[in-house]
């Protein structure tokens, strides 16, 4: 009897210990640039003592992983990346409802996805879509300086443009959805087909094209404008362009994954990520998005979206499962298969 009691007490202690240990951990899926991901992890660990296991993948890849893990969730929080796949995850019931006490401090545009999904995702930053080009390469090749989306269709830019694959990249899906909203579905896909003729490579990551342009591997990279600014601030010969026809934008978002194993830690990170001081740190690692907390400092390098012709991007529609699946399938069948 004594042995049985001791074993029972030991097992109870082990169970309590494992619960405490779990409460001090967090598994983070991170979609922005790796330097920002690492900054968030390091700062959160120092402030809370919670150990973080972080994986960096682009938005489309992260959504695919969360869907694959639905029956046995391994992640706790998905932080960053374009809002459309976060909206799809919410629609498919892959994320949890959470009403953070920080919500009252956020901009209206950041609360929009939270309201639209019944609390399953929230905006953490905003960024306008555009592109950047390498000024030195442009001059050496005698290419005309592009100012509009349709300038990139000029045959002179054959093999001079990089853009990510919209299946893996939220940036590129935003581009696809933007063209459909600017020119209509037929016109938007006609644009993507013509652009395809000038694309040298479809990258996996949304920010990779401008990094390639910065080091002279391509002339033009289609990205969010803040990613082009990041390279220019580093001293690279990059010119950022807000296209003349108008452009779409992202609401970078955050979601708690349904069935998160470390729910308390997940909520702590969620609140942490919405605070003004934490959001104000982004510029220190070259992240120049507009933060969602009203009290956060907007980086002086951030593109002035008030001066950009921004379209009324329908996040609810283009973040829905049916529309995203349809557009991506059509791109796969009608654009990616074309010869170049």
Protein backbone atom coordinates (compact mmCIF):
# COMPACT_ATOMS: atom_id res chain seq x y z
CA UNK A 1 0.00 0.00 0.00
CA UNK A 2 2.83 2.39 0.90
CA UNK A 3 4.59 1.61 -2.38
CA UNK A 4 1.38 2.24 -4.32
CA UNK A 5 0.93 5.60 -2.53
CA UNK A 6 4.52 6.57 -3.27
CA UNK A 7 4.14 5.66 -6.93
CA UNK A 8 0.89 7.60 -7.08
CA UNK A 9 2.48 10.64 -5.44
CA UNK A 10 5.48 10.42 -7.77
CA UNK A 11 3.28 10.21 -10.85
CA UNK A 12 1.23 13.15 -9.60
CA UNK A 13 4.37 15.21 -9.10
CA UNK A 14 5.59 14.29 -12.56
CA UNK A 15 2.24 15.27 -14.06
CA UNK A 16 2.27 18.63 -12.28
CA UNK A 17 5.84 19.19 -13.38
CA UNK A 18 5.02 18.43 -17.00
CA UNK A 19 2.06 20.83 -16.89
CA UNK A 20 4.23 23.58 -15.44
CA UNK A 21 6.87 22.89 -18.03
CA UNK A 22 4.32 23.07 -20.82
CA UNK A 23 3.04 26.38 -19.51
CA UNK A 24 6.56 27.79 -19.89
CA UNK A 25 6.83 26.95 -23.57
CA UNK A 26 5.56 28.35 -26.85
CA UNK A 27 5.70 27.08 -30.42
CA UNK A 28 5.64 30.02 -32.80
CA UNK A 29 5.04 29.96 -36.55
CA UNK A 30 6.51 33.18 -37.91
CA UNK A 31 6.01 34.59 -41.42
CA UNK A 32 7.82 37.99 -41.63
CA UNK A 33 11.56 38.38 -42.19
CA UNK A 34 13.73 36.12 -40.04
CA UNK A 35 15.46 39.03 -38.26
CA UNK A 36 12.11 40.31 -36.97
CA UNK A 37 11.06 36.81 -35.96
CA UNK A 38 14.24 36.37 -33.96
CA UNK A 39 13.84 39.77 -32.31
CA UNK A 40 10.32 38.87 -31.18
CA UNK A 41 11.44 35.50 -29.83
CA UNK A 42 14.45 36.86 -27.94
CA UNK A 43 12.52 39.78 -26.41
CA UNK A 44 9.57 37.61 -25.39
CA UNK A 45 11.82 35.02 -23.78
CA UNK A 46 13.68 37.69 -21.80
CA UNK A 47 10.48 39.37 -20.61
CA UNK A 48 8.56 36.23 -19.68
CA UNK A 49 11.02 33.37 -19.20
CA UNK A 50 8.90 31.33 -21.61
CA UNK A 51 10.98 29.20 -23.96
CA UNK A 52 10.04 29.63 -27.61
CA UNK A 53 10.47 27.18 -30.47
CA UNK A 54 10.15 29.19 -33.67
CA UNK A 55 9.76 28.14 -37.31
CA UNK A 56 9.94 30.73 -40.08
CA UNK A 57 7.89 30.04 -43.20
CA UNK A 58 6.02 32.23 -45.68
CA UNK A 59 2.27 32.73 -45.27
CA UNK A 60 1.11 30.15 -47.80
CA UNK A 61 3.46 27.52 -46.43
CA UNK A 62 2.35 28.19 -42.87
CA UNK A 63 -1.33 27.89 -43.75
CA UNK A 64 -0.62 24.57 -45.48
CA UNK A 65 1.26 23.33 -42.40
CA UNK A 66 -1.52 24.32 -40.00
CA UNK A 67 -4.07 22.58 -42.23
CA UNK A 68 -1.92 19.44 -42.36
CA UNK A 69 -1.59 19.44 -38.56
CA UNK A 70 -5.31 20.07 -37.92
CA UNK A 71 -5.92 16.70 -36.23
CA UNK A 72 -2.77 17.05 -34.11
CA UNK A 73 -1.83 20.74 -33.77
CA UNK A 74 1.82 21.39 -33.03
CA UNK A 75 1.93 25.20 -33.22
CA UNK A 76 0.53 27.70 -30.73
CA UNK A 77 0.69 31.10 -32.45
CA UNK A 78 0.98 32.17 -36.07
CA UNK A 79 2.52 35.65 -36.07
CA UNK A 80 2.74 37.84 -39.14
CA UNK A 81 2.31 37.29 -42.82
CA UNK A 82 -0.43 38.64 -45.06
CA UNK A 83 -3.94 38.67 -43.64
CA UNK A 84 -5.70 36.74 -46.43
CA UNK A 85 -4.43 33.27 -45.40
CA UNK A 86 -5.16 34.13 -41.75
CA UNK A 87 -8.74 34.87 -42.81
CA UNK A 88 -8.94 31.55 -44.61
CA UNK A 89 -7.58 29.76 -41.54
CA UNK A 90 -10.29 31.42 -39.45
CA UNK A 91 -12.98 30.43 -41.94
CA UNK A 92 -11.82 26.81 -41.80
CA UNK A 93 -11.86 26.78 -38.00
CA UNK A 94 -8.10 26.40 -37.70
CA UNK A 95 -7.66 29.27 -35.25
CA UNK A 96 -9.01 30.20 -31.80
CA UNK A 97 -11.16 33.13 -30.69
CA UNK A 98 -9.27 35.51 -28.41
CA UNK A 99 -10.28 38.97 -27.25
CA UNK A 100 -7.05 40.51 -26.04
CA UNK A 101 -7.15 43.34 -23.50
CA UNK A 102 -4.91 45.19 -25.97
CA UNK A 103 -7.63 45.54 -28.62
CA UNK A 104 -8.68 49.01 -27.44
CA UNK A 105 -5.20 50.30 -28.35
CA UNK A 106 -5.35 49.22 -31.99
CA UNK A 107 -6.08 51.10 -35.20
CA UNK A 108 -9.49 50.49 -36.78
CA UNK A 109 -7.94 48.70 -39.76
CA UNK A 110 -6.26 46.25 -37.38
CA UNK A 111 -9.58 45.46 -35.71
CA UNK A 112 -11.31 44.82 -39.02
CA UNK A 113 -10.11 41.20 -39.42
CA UNK A 114 -10.85 40.56 -35.73
CA UNK A 115 -14.44 41.68 -36.19
CA UNK A 116 -14.81 39.86 -39.51
CA UNK A 117 -13.75 36.53 -38.01
CA UNK A 118 -15.42 36.77 -34.63
CA UNK A 119 -12.08 37.23 -32.90
CA UNK A 120 -9.95 34.60 -34.64
CA UNK A 121 -7.27 36.94 -36.07
CA UNK A 122 -6.05 40.50 -35.60
CA UNK A 123 -3.96 43.02 -37.52
CA UNK A 124 -0.41 43.71 -36.35
CA UNK A 125 0.94 45.85 -39.22
CA UNK A 126 0.04 47.32 -42.62
CA UNK A 127 2.07 47.44 -45.81
CA UNK A 128 1.46 48.59 -49.39
CA UNK A 129 2.24 46.44 -52.42
CA UNK A 130 4.61 47.64 -55.11
CA UNK A 131 8.03 46.81 -56.47
CA UNK A 132 11.63 47.88 -56.43
CA UNK A 133 14.28 47.98 -59.10
CA UNK A 134 18.06 48.04 -59.14
CA UNK A 135 18.98 51.49 -60.45
CA UNK A 136 22.47 50.47 -61.50
CA UNK A 137 21.29 47.43 -63.46
CA UNK A 138 18.52 49.45 -65.05
CA UNK A 139 21.01 52.05 -66.28
CA UNK A 140 23.60 49.54 -67.46
CA UNK A 141 20.99 47.64 -69.48
CA UNK A 142 19.43 50.79 -70.88
CA UNK A 143 15.98 49.91 -69.54
CA UNK A 144 13.25 52.56 -69.05
CA UNK A 145 12.45 53.41 -65.43
CA UNK A 146 9.11 51.69 -64.65
CA UNK A 147 6.45 53.69 -62.81
CA UNK A 148 3.33 51.59 -63.32
CA UNK A 149 2.32 47.92 -63.15
CA UNK A 150 1.90 47.72 -66.92
CA UNK A 151 5.42 49.07 -67.45
CA UNK A 152 6.65 45.67 -66.26
CA UNK A 153 4.98 44.05 -69.29
CA UNK A 154 7.39 45.80 -71.66
CA UNK A 155 9.25 43.09 -73.64
CA UNK A 156 12.46 44.93 -72.71
CA UNK A 157 12.03 43.43 -69.23
CA UNK A 158 12.23 39.84 -70.49
CA UNK A 159 13.86 37.76 -67.69
CA UNK A 160 14.37 40.93 -65.63
CA UNK A 161 11.52 40.42 -63.12
CA UNK A 162 11.18 38.19 -60.07
CA UNK A 163 8.02 37.53 -58.07
CA UNK A 164 7.13 34.81 -55.60
CA UNK A 165 4.80 31.90 -56.23
CA UNK A 166 1.31 32.85 -54.95
CA UNK A 167 0.79 29.34 -53.56
CA UNK A 168 3.59 29.78 -51.05
CA UNK A 169 3.76 33.55 -50.71
CA UNK A 170 1.18 35.89 -49.24
CA UNK A 171 2.91 38.77 -51.02
CA UNK A 172 2.40 37.17 -54.40
CA UNK A 173 -1.19 36.15 -53.66
CA UNK A 174 -1.84 39.79 -52.73
CA UNK A 175 -0.38 40.74 -56.13
CA UNK A 176 -2.69 38.31 -57.91
CA UNK A 177 -5.75 39.52 -55.98
CA UNK A 178 -4.74 43.15 -56.57
CA UNK A 179 -4.57 42.67 -60.35
CA UNK A 180 -8.02 41.07 -60.34
CA UNK A 181 -9.41 44.00 -58.36
CA UNK A 182 -7.63 46.59 -60.52
CA UNK A 183 -8.38 45.16 -63.95
CA UNK A 184 -11.20 42.63 -63.41
CA UNK A 185 -10.66 38.87 -63.37
CA UNK A 186 -10.09 38.52 -67.11
CA UNK A 187 -7.88 41.60 -67.25
CA UNK A 188 -6.04 40.64 -64.08
CA UNK A 189 -5.16 37.20 -65.40
CA UNK A 190 -4.19 38.69 -68.75
CA UNK A 191 -1.76 40.90 -66.83
CA UNK A 192 -0.32 37.90 -64.95
CA UNK A 193 0.07 35.96 -68.23
CA UNK A 194 1.95 38.82 -69.87
CA UNK A 195 4.06 39.36 -66.75
CA UNK A 196 4.92 35.64 -66.82
CA UNK A 197 6.80 36.23 -70.07
CA UNK A 198 9.19 38.56 -68.24
CA UNK A 199 9.59 36.55 -65.02
CA UNK A 200 12.98 34.88 -64.63
CA UNK A 201 12.08 33.06 -61.41
CA UNK A 202 9.16 32.46 -59.07
CA UNK A 203 10.60 32.38 -55.56
CA UNK A 204 9.14 30.68 -52.50
CA UNK A 205 9.44 33.68 -50.19
CA UNK A 206 7.70 36.98 -50.86
CA UNK A 207 10.70 39.12 -49.97
CA UNK A 208 13.25 37.08 -51.94
CA UNK A 209 12.77 38.98 -55.25
CA UNK A 210 13.91 42.32 -53.85
CA UNK A 211 16.87 40.69 -52.12
CA UNK A 212 17.84 39.27 -55.49
CA UNK A 213 17.47 42.71 -57.08
CA UNK A 214 19.61 44.26 -54.34
CA UNK A 215 22.57 42.02 -55.15
CA UNK A 216 22.13 42.30 -58.90
CA UNK A 217 20.59 38.89 -59.66
CA UNK A 218 17.50 40.52 -61.20
CA UNK A 219 16.47 44.04 -62.11
CA UNK A 220 12.95 44.16 -60.64
CA UNK A 221 11.45 42.51 -57.58
CA UNK A 222 7.70 42.63 -56.93
CA UNK A 223 7.24 42.93 -53.17
CA UNK A 224 5.63 44.99 -50.47
CA UNK A 225 7.16 48.44 -50.64
CA UNK A 226 8.57 48.28 -47.12
CA UNK A 227 10.73 45.32 -48.19
CA UNK A 228 12.19 47.43 -50.99
CA UNK A 229 12.81 50.25 -48.51
CA UNK A 230 14.67 47.81 -46.26
CA UNK A 231 17.20 47.14 -49.02
CA UNK A 232 17.55 50.83 -49.86
CA UNK A 233 18.22 51.68 -46.21
CA UNK A 234 20.99 49.06 -46.23
CA UNK A 235 22.65 51.05 -48.99
CA UNK A 236 21.59 48.86 -51.90
CA UNK A 237 20.81 50.66 -55.21
CA UNK A 238 17.06 50.01 -54.94
CA UNK A 239 14.34 52.42 -56.05
CA UNK A 240 10.91 51.79 -54.53
CA UNK A 241 7.86 52.18 -56.76
CA UNK A 242 4.21 52.75 -55.86
CA UNK A 243 2.55 51.81 -59.18
CA UNK A 244 0.60 54.56 -60.93
CA UNK A 245 -2.57 52.53 -61.52
CA UNK A 246 -3.03 51.99 -57.78
CA UNK A 247 -2.13 49.06 -55.59
CA UNK A 248 -3.30 46.67 -52.91
CA UNK A 249 -2.10 46.35 -49.36
CA UNK A 250 -1.75 43.79 -46.62
CA UNK A 251 -2.93 43.74 -43.05
CA UNK A 252 -0.25 41.56 -41.51
CA UNK A 253 -2.04 39.43 -38.96
CA UNK A 254 -1.71 37.14 -35.94
CA UNK A 255 -3.73 34.12 -34.89
CA UNK A 256 -3.77 31.56 -32.09
CA UNK A 257 -3.88 28.06 -33.55
CA UNK A 258 -6.89 25.90 -32.72
CA UNK A 259 -5.99 23.31 -30.11
CA UNK A 260 -2.78 25.11 -29.08
CA UNK A 261 -0.94 23.01 -26.51
CA UNK A 262 0.36 26.05 -24.66
CA UNK A 263 -2.70 28.28 -24.57
CA UNK A 264 -1.61 30.46 -21.65
CA UNK A 265 1.72 31.17 -23.31
CA UNK A 266 -0.04 31.80 -26.61
CA UNK A 267 -2.25 34.49 -25.07
CA UNK A 268 0.74 36.08 -23.36
CA UNK A 269 2.58 36.30 -26.68
CA UNK A 270 -0.52 37.67 -28.41
CA UNK A 271 -0.82 40.50 -25.86
CA UNK A 272 2.93 41.10 -25.96
CA UNK A 273 2.92 41.41 -29.77
CA UNK A 274 0.18 44.06 -29.69
CA UNK A 275 1.93 46.43 -27.28
CA UNK A 276 3.25 49.75 -28.54
CA UNK A 277 6.80 49.32 -27.26
CA UNK A 278 7.22 45.92 -28.87
CA UNK A 279 5.82 47.06 -32.21
CA UNK A 280 8.09 50.10 -32.12
CA UNK A 281 11.14 47.82 -32.08
CA UNK A 282 10.52 46.56 -35.62
CA UNK A 283 12.55 49.29 -37.32
CA UNK A 284 15.66 48.21 -35.40
CA UNK A 285 15.82 45.09 -37.60
CA UNK A 286 14.81 46.84 -40.83
CA UNK A 287 11.07 46.10 -40.70
CA UNK A 288 9.33 49.26 -41.88
CA UNK A 289 5.66 48.31 -41.85
CA UNK A 290 3.06 50.60 -40.27
CA UNK A 291 2.32 49.20 -36.77
CA UNK A 292 -1.22 48.49 -35.57
CA UNK A 293 -0.95 49.91 -32.05
CA UNK A 294 -1.97 53.59 -32.02
CA UNK A 295 0.85 54.37 -29.61
CA UNK A 296 3.60 52.61 -31.55
CA UNK A 297 6.19 54.69 -33.37
CA UNK A 298 5.80 54.58 -37.14
CA UNK A 299 9.28 54.18 -38.66
CA UNK A 300 10.36 57.30 -40.51
CA UNK A 301 11.41 55.03 -43.37
CA UNK A 302 7.94 53.47 -43.72
CA UNK A 303 6.26 54.21 -47.07
CA UNK A 304 3.67 56.96 -46.67
CA UNK A 305 0.51 55.11 -47.61
CA UNK A 306 -1.48 58.34 -47.47
CA UNK A 307 0.41 59.47 -50.57
CA UNK A 308 -0.05 56.14 -52.37
CA UNK A 309 -3.05 55.35 -54.58
CA UNK A 310 -4.33 52.41 -52.55
CA UNK A 311 -7.32 50.43 -53.81
CA UNK A 312 -10.24 49.43 -51.59
CA UNK A 313 -8.83 45.92 -51.18
CA UNK A 314 -11.59 43.45 -50.28
CA UNK A 315 -9.82 41.39 -47.63
CA UNK A 316 -12.94 39.43 -46.66
CA UNK A 317 -13.58 38.27 -50.22
CA UNK A 318 -10.03 37.53 -51.25
CA UNK A 319 -9.23 35.94 -47.91
CA UNK A 320 -12.12 33.48 -48.23
CA UNK A 321 -11.35 29.83 -48.90
CA UNK A 322 -13.42 29.59 -52.09
CA UNK A 323 -11.98 32.70 -53.74
CA UNK A 324 -8.36 32.01 -52.75
CA UNK A 325 -8.61 28.39 -53.91
CA UNK A 326 -10.21 29.43 -57.20
CA UNK A 327 -7.65 32.14 -57.99
CA UNK A 328 -4.68 29.95 -57.10
CA UNK A 329 -6.03 27.05 -59.14
CA UNK A 330 -6.58 29.34 -62.11
CA UNK A 331 -3.03 30.72 -61.77
CA UNK A 332 -1.65 27.18 -61.65
CA UNK A 333 -3.59 26.11 -64.73
CA UNK A 334 -3.48 29.23 -66.88
CA UNK A 335 -0.33 31.14 -65.92
CA UNK A 336 2.37 28.91 -64.44
CA UNK A 337 2.06 26.37 -67.25
CA UNK A 338 2.74 28.91 -70.01
CA UNK A 339 6.14 28.75 -71.74
CA UNK A 340 8.57 31.58 -71.11
